[in-house]
Amino acid sequence: MHVGGLRTARYAYLMTKKSKRGAFILRIEDTDQERFVESVIEVIYQMLREAGILWDEGPDIGGPVGYYIQSERMGIFKEYALQLVEKGSRLFLFL
């Protein structure tokens, strides 16, 4: 995790906690498999905890709005993309 990612997480966390009804949900971005390093997930957890950012839901604790690993959501993305194609929407796919 770099400082920009930590800053973004901090802003999102503070906004969520300010709303009193929100939940801070941690999702792990792993869709770029060439750059993804599995061992870094524990480092991300540690850095967030040390910064005082505690998530309400995430890969390690679960919750009602999972999937918390982006690659596990690909089926959902595909389903909605196909619905858009069926409706005649224009899609821009970057492969």
PDB file of N, CA and C in Angstrom:
ATOM      1  N   MET A   1       0.852  -1.178   0.000  1.00  0.00           N
ATOM      2  CA  MET A   1       0.000   0.000   0.000  1.00  0.00           C
ATOM      3  C   MET A   1       0.890   1.230   0.000  1.00  0.00           C
ATOM      4  N   HIS A   2       0.558   2.182  -0.846  1.00  0.00           N
ATOM      5  CA  HIS A   2       1.337   3.416  -0.884  1.00  0.00           C
ATOM      6  C   HIS A   2       0.577   4.507  -0.139  1.00  0.00           C
ATOM      7  N   VAL A   3       1.231   5.623   0.079  1.00  0.00           N
ATOM      8  CA  VAL A   3       0.654   6.690   0.893  1.00  0.00           C
ATOM      9  C   VAL A   3      -0.637   7.235   0.283  1.00  0.00           C
ATOM     10  N   GLY A   4      -0.755   7.271  -1.032  1.00  0.00           N
ATOM     11  CA  GLY A   4      -1.980   7.739  -1.676  1.00  0.00           C
ATOM     12  C   GLY A   4      -3.163   6.830  -1.374  1.00  0.00           C
ATOM     13  N   GLY A   5      -2.929   5.540  -1.382  1.00  0.00           N
ATOM     14  CA  GLY A   5      -3.984   4.586  -1.047  1.00  0.00           C
ATOM     15  C   GLY A   5      -4.403   4.703   0.408  1.00  0.00           C
ATOM     16  N   LEU A   6      -3.424   4.914   1.272  1.00  0.00           N
ATOM     17  CA  LEU A   6      -3.718   5.087   2.693  1.00  0.00           C
ATOM     18  C   LEU A   6      -4.509   6.373   2.920  1.00  0.00           C
ATOM     19  N   ARG A   7      -4.142   7.442   2.228  1.00  0.00           N
ATOM     20  CA  ARG A   7      -4.865   8.711   2.341  1.00  0.00           C
ATOM     21  C   ARG A   7      -6.314   8.547   1.889  1.00  0.00           C
ATOM     22  N   THR A   8      -6.510   7.895   0.760  1.00  0.00           N
ATOM     23  CA  THR A   8      -7.854   7.677   0.245  1.00  0.00           C
ATOM     24  C   THR A   8      -8.692   6.848   1.213  1.00  0.00           C
ATOM     25  N   ALA A   9      -8.087   5.799   1.774  1.00  0.00           N
ATOM     26  CA  ALA A   9      -8.789   4.966   2.757  1.00  0.00           C
ATOM     27  C   ALA A   9      -9.169   5.791   3.982  1.00  0.00           C
ATOM     28  N   ARG A  10      -8.276   6.663   4.411  1.00  0.00           N
ATOM     29  CA  ARG A  10      -8.540   7.514   5.589  1.00  0.00           C
ATOM     30  C   ARG A  10      -9.729   8.449   5.334  1.00  0.00           C
ATOM     31  N   TYR A  11      -9.757   9.099   4.169  1.00  0.00           N
ATOM     32  CA  TYR A  11     -10.880   9.980   3.832  1.00  0.00           C
ATOM     33  C   TYR A  11     -12.196   9.194   3.791  1.00  0.00           C
ATOM     34  N   ALA A  12     -12.185   8.054   3.139  1.00  0.00           N
ATOM     35  CA  ALA A  12     -13.404   7.245   3.038  1.00  0.00           C
ATOM     36  C   ALA A  12     -13.852   6.781   4.424  1.00  0.00           C
ATOM     37  N   TYR A  13     -12.898   6.376   5.241  1.00  0.00           N
ATOM     38  CA  TYR A  13     -13.207   5.928   6.600  1.00  0.00           C
ATOM     39  C   TYR A  13     -13.837   7.056   7.416  1.00  0.00           C
ATOM     40  N   LEU A  14     -13.238   8.234   7.362  1.00  0.00           N
ATOM     41  CA  LEU A  14     -13.759   9.370   8.125  1.00  0.00           C
ATOM     42  C   LEU A  14     -15.150   9.779   7.660  1.00  0.00           C
ATOM     43  N   MET A  15     -15.370   9.784   6.358  1.00  0.00           N
ATOM     44  CA  MET A  15     -16.690  10.132   5.825  1.00  0.00           C
ATOM     45  C   MET A  15     -17.731   9.096   6.269  1.00  0.00           C
ATOM     46  N   THR A  16     -17.353   7.829   6.228  1.00  0.00           N
ATOM     47  CA  THR A  16     -18.269   6.770   6.633  1.00  0.00           C
ATOM     48  C   THR A  16     -18.633   6.904   8.105  1.00  0.00           C
ATOM     49  N   LYS A  17     -17.647   7.119   8.935  1.00  0.00           N
ATOM     50  CA  LYS A  17     -17.897   7.211  10.374  1.00  0.00           C
ATOM     51  C   LYS A  17     -18.652   8.484  10.733  1.00  0.00           C
ATOM     52  N   LYS A  18     -18.462   9.547   9.975  1.00  0.00           N
ATOM     53  CA  LYS A  18     -19.194  10.789  10.220  1.00  0.00           C
ATOM     54  C   LYS A  18     -20.686  10.600   9.970  1.00  0.00           C
ATOM     55  N   SER A  19     -21.034   9.768   8.998  1.00  0.00           N
ATOM     56  CA  SER A  19     -22.439   9.568   8.654  1.00  0.00           C
ATOM     57  C   SER A  19     -23.191   8.766   9.712  1.00  0.00           C
ATOM     58  N   LYS A  20     -22.503   8.069  10.569  1.00  0.00           N
ATOM     59  CA  LYS A  20     -23.049   7.262  11.664  1.00  0.00           C
ATOM     60  C   LYS A  20     -23.876   6.054  11.203  1.00  0.00           C
ATOM     61  N   ARG A  21     -24.353   6.060   9.978  1.00  0.00           N
ATOM     62  CA  ARG A  21     -25.124   4.918   9.482  1.00  0.00           C
ATOM     63  C   ARG A  21     -24.338   4.106   8.463  1.00  0.00           C
ATOM     64  N   GLY A  22     -23.198   4.620   8.027  1.00  0.00           N
ATOM     65  CA  GLY A  22     -22.424   3.957   6.995  1.00  0.00           C
ATOM     66  C   GLY A  22     -21.567   2.828   7.535  1.00  0.00           C
ATOM     67  N   ALA A  23     -21.073   2.027   6.635  1.00  0.00           N
ATOM     68  CA  ALA A  23     -20.153   0.946   6.969  1.00  0.00           C
ATOM     69  C   ALA A  23     -18.932   1.089   6.075  1.00  0.00           C
ATOM     70  N   PHE A  24     -17.757   0.960   6.660  1.00  0.00           N
ATOM     71  CA  PHE A  24     -16.517   1.006   5.892  1.00  0.00           C
ATOM     72  C   PHE A  24     -16.225  -0.417   5.429  1.00  0.00           C
ATOM     73  N   ILE A  25     -16.265  -0.613   4.123  1.00  0.00           N
ATOM     74  CA  ILE A  25     -16.106  -1.935   3.537  1.00  0.00           C
ATOM     75  C   ILE A  25     -14.784  -1.996   2.798  1.00  0.00           C
ATOM     76  N   LEU A  26     -13.979  -2.968   3.157  1.00  0.00           N
ATOM     77  CA  LEU A  26     -12.665  -3.149   2.542  1.00  0.00           C
ATOM     78  C   LEU A  26     -12.764  -4.177   1.429  1.00  0.00           C
ATOM     79  N   ARG A  27     -12.401  -3.751   0.225  1.00  0.00           N
ATOM     80  CA  ARG A  27     -12.318  -4.661  -0.913  1.00  0.00           C
ATOM     81  C   ARG A  27     -10.872  -4.668  -1.399  1.00  0.00           C
ATOM     82  N   ILE A  28     -10.419  -5.822  -1.801  1.00  0.00           N
ATOM     83  CA  ILE A  28      -9.060  -5.982  -2.310  1.00  0.00           C
ATOM     84  C   ILE A  28      -9.113  -6.019  -3.827  1.00  0.00           C
ATOM     85  N   GLU A  29      -8.366  -5.125  -4.456  1.00  0.00           N
ATOM     86  CA  GLU A  29      -8.292  -5.047  -5.921  1.00  0.00           C
ATOM     87  C   GLU A  29      -7.214  -6.014  -6.398  1.00  0.00           C
ATOM     88  N   ASP A  30      -7.623  -7.052  -7.090  1.00  0.00           N
ATOM     89  CA  ASP A  30      -6.683  -8.066  -7.576  1.00  0.00           C
ATOM     90  C   ASP A  30      -6.907  -8.403  -9.043  1.00  0.00           C
ATOM     91  N   THR A  31      -7.596  -7.537  -9.767  1.00  0.00           N
ATOM     92  CA  THR A  31      -7.923  -7.872 -11.149  1.00  0.00           C
ATOM     93  C   THR A  31      -6.730  -7.765 -12.094  1.00  0.00           C
ATOM     94  N   ASP A  32      -5.704  -7.038 -11.707  1.00  0.00           N
ATOM     95  CA  ASP A  32      -4.464  -7.003 -12.503  1.00  0.00           C
ATOM     96  C   ASP A  32      -3.554  -8.110 -11.967  1.00  0.00           C
ATOM     97  N   GLN A  33      -3.785  -9.308 -12.458  1.00  0.00           N
ATOM     98  CA  GLN A  33      -3.094 -10.481 -11.927  1.00  0.00           C
ATOM     99  C   GLN A  33      -1.577 -10.460 -12.147  1.00  0.00           C
ATOM    100  N   GLU A  34      -1.117  -9.715 -13.145  1.00  0.00           N
ATOM    101  CA  GLU A  34       0.332  -9.635 -13.382  1.00  0.00           C
ATOM    102  C   GLU A  34       1.036  -8.878 -12.263  1.00  0.00           C
ATOM    103  N   ARG A  35       0.359  -7.918 -11.647  1.00  0.00           N
ATOM    104  CA  ARG A  35       0.972  -7.107 -10.590  1.00  0.00           C
ATOM    105  C   ARG A  35       0.538  -7.518  -9.186  1.00  0.00           C
ATOM    106  N   PHE A  36      -0.491  -8.340  -9.084  1.00  0.00           N
ATOM    107  CA  PHE A  36      -1.042  -8.702  -7.782  1.00  0.00           C
ATOM    108  C   PHE A  36      -0.095  -9.621  -7.017  1.00  0.00           C
ATOM    109  N   VAL A  37       0.119  -9.295  -5.730  1.00  0.00           N
ATOM    110  CA  VAL A  37       0.972 -10.106  -4.852  1.00  0.00           C
ATOM    111  C   VAL A  37       0.130 -10.477  -3.633  1.00  0.00           C
ATOM    112  N   GLU A  38      -0.219 -11.739  -3.510  1.00  0.00           N
ATOM    113  CA  GLU A  38      -1.117 -12.212  -2.443  1.00  0.00           C
ATOM    114  C   GLU A  38      -0.613 -11.864  -1.048  1.00  0.00           C
ATOM    115  N   SER A  39       0.672 -11.948  -0.809  1.00  0.00           N
ATOM    116  CA  SER A  39       1.223 -11.699   0.529  1.00  0.00           C
ATOM    117  C   SER A  39       1.046 -10.256   0.984  1.00  0.00           C
ATOM    118  N   VAL A  40       0.749  -9.360   0.068  1.00  0.00           N
ATOM    119  CA  VAL A  40       0.590  -7.946   0.413  1.00  0.00           C
ATOM    120  C   VAL A  40      -0.733  -7.695   1.155  1.00  0.00           C
ATOM    121  N   ILE A  41      -1.689  -8.592   1.031  1.00  0.00           N
ATOM    122  CA  ILE A  41      -2.974  -8.395   1.703  1.00  0.00           C
ATOM    123  C   ILE A  41      -2.776  -8.225   3.205  1.00  0.00           C
ATOM    124  N   GLU A  42      -1.955  -9.047   3.814  1.00  0.00           N
ATOM    125  CA  GLU A  42      -1.697  -8.928   5.257  1.00  0.00           C
ATOM    126  C   GLU A  42      -1.017  -7.602   5.586  1.00  0.00           C
ATOM    127  N   VAL A  43      -0.165  -7.124   4.705  1.00  0.00           N
ATOM    128  CA  VAL A  43       0.489  -5.827   4.905  1.00  0.00           C
ATOM    129  C   VAL A  43      -0.559  -4.707   4.873  1.00  0.00           C
ATOM    130  N   ILE A  44      -1.499  -4.793   3.949  1.00  0.00           N
ATOM    131  CA  ILE A  44      -2.573  -3.805   3.863  1.00  0.00           C
ATOM    132  C   ILE A  44      -3.381  -3.800   5.152  1.00  0.00           C
ATOM    133  N   TYR A  45      -3.762  -4.980   5.637  1.00  0.00           N
ATOM    134  CA  TYR A  45      -4.503  -5.064   6.902  1.00  0.00           C
ATOM    135  C   TYR A  45      -3.727  -4.368   8.021  1.00  0.00           C
ATOM    136  N   GLN A  46      -2.462  -4.697   8.130  1.00  0.00           N
ATOM    137  CA  GLN A  46      -1.617  -4.154   9.201  1.00  0.00           C
ATOM    138  C   GLN A  46      -1.499  -2.630   9.102  1.00  0.00           C
ATOM    139  N   MET A  47      -1.248  -2.120   7.898  1.00  0.00           N
ATOM    140  CA  MET A  47      -1.094  -0.675   7.726  1.00  0.00           C
ATOM    141  C   MET A  47      -2.389   0.068   8.072  1.00  0.00           C
ATOM    142  N   LEU A  48      -3.508  -0.458   7.630  1.00  0.00           N
ATOM    143  CA  LEU A  48      -4.784   0.181   7.936  1.00  0.00           C
ATOM    144  C   LEU A  48      -5.036   0.189   9.449  1.00  0.00           C
ATOM    145  N   ARG A  49      -4.794  -0.940  10.092  1.00  0.00           N
ATOM    146  CA  ARG A  49      -4.999  -1.006  11.547  1.00  0.00           C
ATOM    147  C   ARG A  49      -4.090  -0.032  12.279  1.00  0.00           C
ATOM    148  N   GLU A  50      -2.830   0.036  11.859  1.00  0.00           N
ATOM    149  CA  GLU A  50      -1.890   0.955  12.505  1.00  0.00           C
ATOM    150  C   GLU A  50      -2.296   2.413  12.305  1.00  0.00           C
ATOM    151  N   ALA A  51      -3.001   2.701  11.211  1.00  0.00           N
ATOM    152  CA  ALA A  51      -3.481   4.058  10.943  1.00  0.00           C
ATOM    153  C   ALA A  51      -4.825   4.327  11.626  1.00  0.00           C
ATOM    154  N   GLY A  52      -5.342   3.344  12.361  1.00  0.00           N
ATOM    155  CA  GLY A  52      -6.604   3.520  13.055  1.00  0.00           C
ATOM    156  C   GLY A  52      -7.823   3.341  12.180  1.00  0.00           C
ATOM    157  N   ILE A  53      -7.641   2.720  11.034  1.00  0.00           N
ATOM    158  CA  ILE A  53      -8.733   2.491  10.092  1.00  0.00           C
ATOM    159  C   ILE A  53      -9.192   1.041  10.256  1.00  0.00           C
ATOM    160  N   LEU A  54     -10.369   0.882  10.848  1.00  0.00           N
ATOM    161  CA  LEU A  54     -10.910  -0.450  11.100  1.00  0.00           C
ATOM    162  C   LEU A  54     -12.161  -0.639  10.248  1.00  0.00           C
ATOM    163  N   TRP A  55     -12.206  -1.674   9.476  1.00  0.00           N
ATOM    164  CA  TRP A  55     -13.295  -1.902   8.543  1.00  0.00           C
ATOM    165  C   TRP A  55     -14.399  -2.708   9.210  1.00  0.00           C
ATOM    166  N   ASP A  56     -15.620  -2.436   8.746  1.00  0.00           N
ATOM    167  CA  ASP A  56     -16.803  -3.129   9.254  1.00  0.00           C
ATOM    168  C   ASP A  56     -17.022  -4.455   8.531  1.00  0.00           C
ATOM    169  N   GLU A  57     -16.606  -4.500   7.278  1.00  0.00           N
ATOM    170  CA  GLU A  57     -16.701  -5.717   6.472  1.00  0.00           C
ATOM    171  C   GLU A  57     -15.459  -5.812   5.613  1.00  0.00           C
ATOM    172  N   GLY A  58     -15.072  -7.027   5.296  1.00  0.00           N
ATOM    173  CA  GLY A  58     -13.907  -7.226   4.441  1.00  0.00           C
ATOM    174  C   GLY A  58     -13.609  -8.695   4.260  1.00  0.00           C
ATOM    175  N   PRO A  59     -12.553  -9.013   3.510  1.00  0.00           N
ATOM    176  CA  PRO A  59     -12.233 -10.402   3.211  1.00  0.00           C
ATOM    177  C   PRO A  59     -11.972 -11.247   4.455  1.00  0.00           C
ATOM    178  N   ASP A  60     -11.449 -10.632   5.484  1.00  0.00           N
ATOM    179  CA  ASP A  60     -11.084 -11.386   6.682  1.00  0.00           C
ATOM    180  C   ASP A  60     -12.207 -11.516   7.697  1.00  0.00           C
ATOM    181  N   ILE A  61     -13.282 -10.689   7.567  1.00  0.00           N
ATOM    182  CA  ILE A  61     -14.362 -10.769   8.559  1.00  0.00           C
ATOM    183  C   ILE A  61     -15.732 -11.003   7.951  1.00  0.00           C
ATOM    184  N   GLY A  62     -15.853 -10.890   6.640  1.00  0.00           N
ATOM    185  CA  GLY A  62     -17.127 -11.137   5.971  1.00  0.00           C
ATOM    186  C   GLY A  62     -18.144 -10.029   6.213  1.00  0.00           C
ATOM    187  N   GLY A  63     -19.399 -10.350   5.940  1.00  0.00           N
ATOM    188  CA  GLY A  63     -20.483  -9.402   6.090  1.00  0.00           C
ATOM    189  C   GLY A  63     -21.521  -9.589   5.001  1.00  0.00           C
ATOM    190  N   PRO A  64     -22.578  -8.787   5.037  1.00  0.00           N
ATOM    191  CA  PRO A  64     -23.691  -8.995   4.105  1.00  0.00           C
ATOM    192  C   PRO A  64     -23.477  -8.509   2.677  1.00  0.00           C
ATOM    193  N   VAL A  65     -22.456  -7.715   2.381  1.00  0.00           N
ATOM    194  CA  VAL A  65     -22.309  -7.192   1.011  1.00  0.00           C
ATOM    195  C   VAL A  65     -21.067  -7.715   0.296  1.00  0.00           C
ATOM    196  N   GLY A  66     -20.603  -8.929   0.658  1.00  0.00           N
ATOM    197  CA  GLY A  66     -19.458  -9.506  -0.033  1.00  0.00           C
ATOM    198  C   GLY A  66     -19.803  -9.711  -1.494  1.00  0.00           C
ATOM    199  N   TYR A  67     -18.954  -9.931  -2.268  1.00  0.00           N
ATOM    200  CA  TYR A  67     -17.596 -10.408  -2.349  1.00  0.00           C
ATOM    201  C   TYR A  67     -16.627  -9.257  -2.045  1.00  0.00           C
ATOM    202  N   TYR A  68     -15.543  -9.575  -1.361  1.00  0.00           N
ATOM    203  CA  TYR A  68     -14.599  -8.544  -0.940  1.00  0.00           C
ATOM    204  C   TYR A  68     -13.294  -8.584  -1.724  1.00  0.00           C
ATOM    205  N   ILE A  69     -13.161  -9.565  -2.588  1.00  0.00           N
ATOM    206  CA  ILE A  69     -12.014  -9.663  -3.497  1.00  0.00           C
ATOM    207  C   ILE A  69     -12.564  -9.351  -4.892  1.00  0.00           C
ATOM    208  N   GLN A  70     -12.029  -8.319  -5.544  1.00  0.00           N
ATOM    209  CA  GLN A  70     -12.599  -7.838  -6.811  1.00  0.00           C
ATOM    210  C   GLN A  70     -12.746  -8.936  -7.855  1.00  0.00           C
ATOM    211  N   SER A  71     -11.760  -9.825  -7.993  1.00  0.00           N
ATOM    212  CA  SER A  71     -11.843 -10.859  -9.029  1.00  0.00           C
ATOM    213  C   SER A  71     -13.024 -11.788  -8.799  1.00  0.00           C
ATOM    214  N   GLU A  72     -13.497 -11.909  -7.558  1.00  0.00           N
ATOM    215  CA  GLU A  72     -14.658 -12.742  -7.264  1.00  0.00           C
ATOM    216  C   GLU A  72     -15.954 -12.080  -7.741  1.00  0.00           C
ATOM    217  N   ARG A  73     -15.898 -10.798  -8.074  1.00  0.00           N
ATOM    218  CA  ARG A  73     -17.068 -10.052  -8.524  1.00  0.00           C
ATOM    219  C   ARG A  73     -17.206 -10.055 -10.052  1.00  0.00           C
ATOM    220  N   MET A  74     -16.297 -10.688 -10.759  1.00  0.00           N
ATOM    221  CA  MET A  74     -16.300 -10.630 -12.221  1.00  0.00           C
ATOM    222  C   MET A  74     -17.605 -11.154 -12.823  1.00  0.00           C
ATOM    223  N   GLY A  75     -18.198 -12.162 -12.231  1.00  0.00           N
ATOM    224  CA  GLY A  75     -19.474 -12.676 -12.732  1.00  0.00           C
ATOM    225  C   GLY A  75     -20.572 -11.631 -12.655  1.00  0.00           C
ATOM    226  N   ILE A  76     -20.581 -10.854 -11.579  1.00  0.00           N
ATOM    227  CA  ILE A  76     -21.567  -9.786 -11.417  1.00  0.00           C
ATOM    228  C   ILE A  76     -21.356  -8.731 -12.500  1.00  0.00           C
ATOM    229  N   PHE A  77     -20.098  -8.345 -12.723  1.00  0.00           N
ATOM    230  CA  PHE A  77     -19.792  -7.342 -13.737  1.00  0.00           C
ATOM    231  C   PHE A  77     -20.232  -7.822 -15.112  1.00  0.00           C
ATOM    232  N   LYS A  78     -19.958  -9.075 -15.410  1.00  0.00           N
ATOM    233  CA  LYS A  78     -20.312  -9.632 -16.713  1.00  0.00           C
ATOM    234  C   LYS A  78     -21.829  -9.625 -16.902  1.00  0.00           C
ATOM    235  N   GLU A  79     -22.564 -10.002 -15.859  1.00  0.00           N
ATOM    236  CA  GLU A  79     -24.024 -10.027 -15.919  1.00  0.00           C
ATOM    237  C   GLU A  79     -24.589  -8.649 -16.285  1.00  0.00           C
ATOM    238  N   TYR A  80     -24.106  -7.619 -15.622  1.00  0.00           N
ATOM    239  CA  TYR A  80     -24.603  -6.267 -15.905  1.00  0.00           C
ATOM    240  C   TYR A  80     -24.135  -5.763 -17.267  1.00  0.00           C
ATOM    241  N   ALA A  81     -22.940  -6.123 -17.671  1.00  0.00           N
ATOM    242  CA  ALA A  81     -22.457  -5.718 -18.992  1.00  0.00           C
ATOM    243  C   ALA A  81     -23.332  -6.333 -20.086  1.00  0.00           C
ATOM    244  N   LEU A  82     -23.702  -7.603 -19.925  1.00  0.00           N
ATOM    245  CA  LEU A  82     -24.567  -8.259 -20.907  1.00  0.00           C
ATOM    246  C   LEU A  82     -25.951  -7.609 -20.955  1.00  0.00           C
ATOM    247  N   GLN A  83     -26.466  -7.191 -19.793  1.00  0.00           N
ATOM    248  CA  GLN A  83     -27.756  -6.494 -19.769  1.00  0.00           C
ATOM    249  C   GLN A  83     -27.675  -5.186 -20.553  1.00  0.00           C
ATOM    250  N   LEU A  84     -26.572  -4.471 -20.404  1.00  0.00           N
ATOM    251  CA  LEU A  84     -26.394  -3.217 -21.133  1.00  0.00           C
ATOM    252  C   LEU A  84     -26.322  -3.466 -22.643  1.00  0.00           C
ATOM    253  N   VAL A  85     -25.621  -4.520 -23.042  1.00  0.00           N
ATOM    254  CA  VAL A  85     -25.521  -4.856 -24.467  1.00  0.00           C
ATOM    255  C   VAL A  85     -26.901  -5.194 -25.024  1.00  0.00           C
ATOM    256  N   GLU A  86     -27.672  -5.968 -24.269  1.00  0.00           N
ATOM    257  CA  GLU A  86     -29.017  -6.341 -24.711  1.00  0.00           C
ATOM    258  C   GLU A  86     -29.916  -5.121 -24.890  1.00  0.00           C
ATOM    259  N   LYS A  87     -29.708  -4.085 -24.085  1.00  0.00           N
ATOM    260  CA  LYS A  87     -30.506  -2.858 -24.171  1.00  0.00           C
ATOM    261  C   LYS A  87     -29.997  -1.914 -25.248  1.00  0.00           C
ATOM    262  N   GLY A  88     -28.903  -2.292 -25.909  1.00  0.00           N
ATOM    263  CA  GLY A  88     -28.347  -1.461 -26.969  1.00  0.00           C
ATOM    264  C   GLY A  88     -27.391  -0.395 -26.479  1.00  0.00           C
ATOM    265  N   SER A  89     -26.992  -0.468 -25.234  1.00  0.00           N
ATOM    266  CA  SER A  89     -26.044   0.513 -24.712  1.00  0.00           C
ATOM    267  C   SER A  89     -24.678   0.305 -25.347  1.00  0.00           C
ATOM    268  N   ARG A  90     -23.937   1.377 -25.437  1.00  0.00           N
ATOM    269  CA  ARG A  90     -22.577   1.284 -25.968  1.00  0.00           C
ATOM    270  C   ARG A  90     -21.619   1.041 -24.820  1.00  0.00           C
ATOM    271  N   LEU A  91     -20.794   0.035 -24.975  1.00  0.00           N
ATOM    272  CA  LEU A  91     -19.795  -0.296 -23.958  1.00  0.00           C
ATOM    273  C   LEU A  91     -18.407  -0.050 -24.526  1.00  0.00           C
ATOM    274  N   PHE A  92     -17.554   0.425 -23.709  1.00  0.00           N
ATOM    275  CA  PHE A  92     -16.151   0.582 -24.090  1.00  0.00           C
ATOM    276  C   PHE A  92     -15.359  -0.380 -23.229  1.00  0.00           C
ATOM    277  N   LEU A  93     -14.820  -1.392 -23.833  1.00  0.00           N
ATOM    278  CA  LEU A  93     -14.050  -2.392 -23.110  1.00  0.00           C
ATOM    279  C   LEU A  93     -12.577  -2.167 -23.353  1.00  0.00           C
ATOM    280  N   PHE A  94     -11.824  -2.138 -22.296  1.00  0.00           N
ATOM    281  CA  PHE A  94     -10.379  -1.969 -22.384  1.00  0.00           C
ATOM    282  C   PHE A  94      -9.740  -3.276 -21.973  1.00  0.00           C
ATOM    283  N   LEU A  95      -9.186  -3.968 -22.918  1.00  0.00           N
ATOM    284  CA  LEU A  95      -8.568  -5.265 -22.640  1.00  0.00           C
ATOM    285  C   LEU A  95      -7.074  -5.179 -22.763  1.00  0.00           C
TER     286      LEU A  95
END
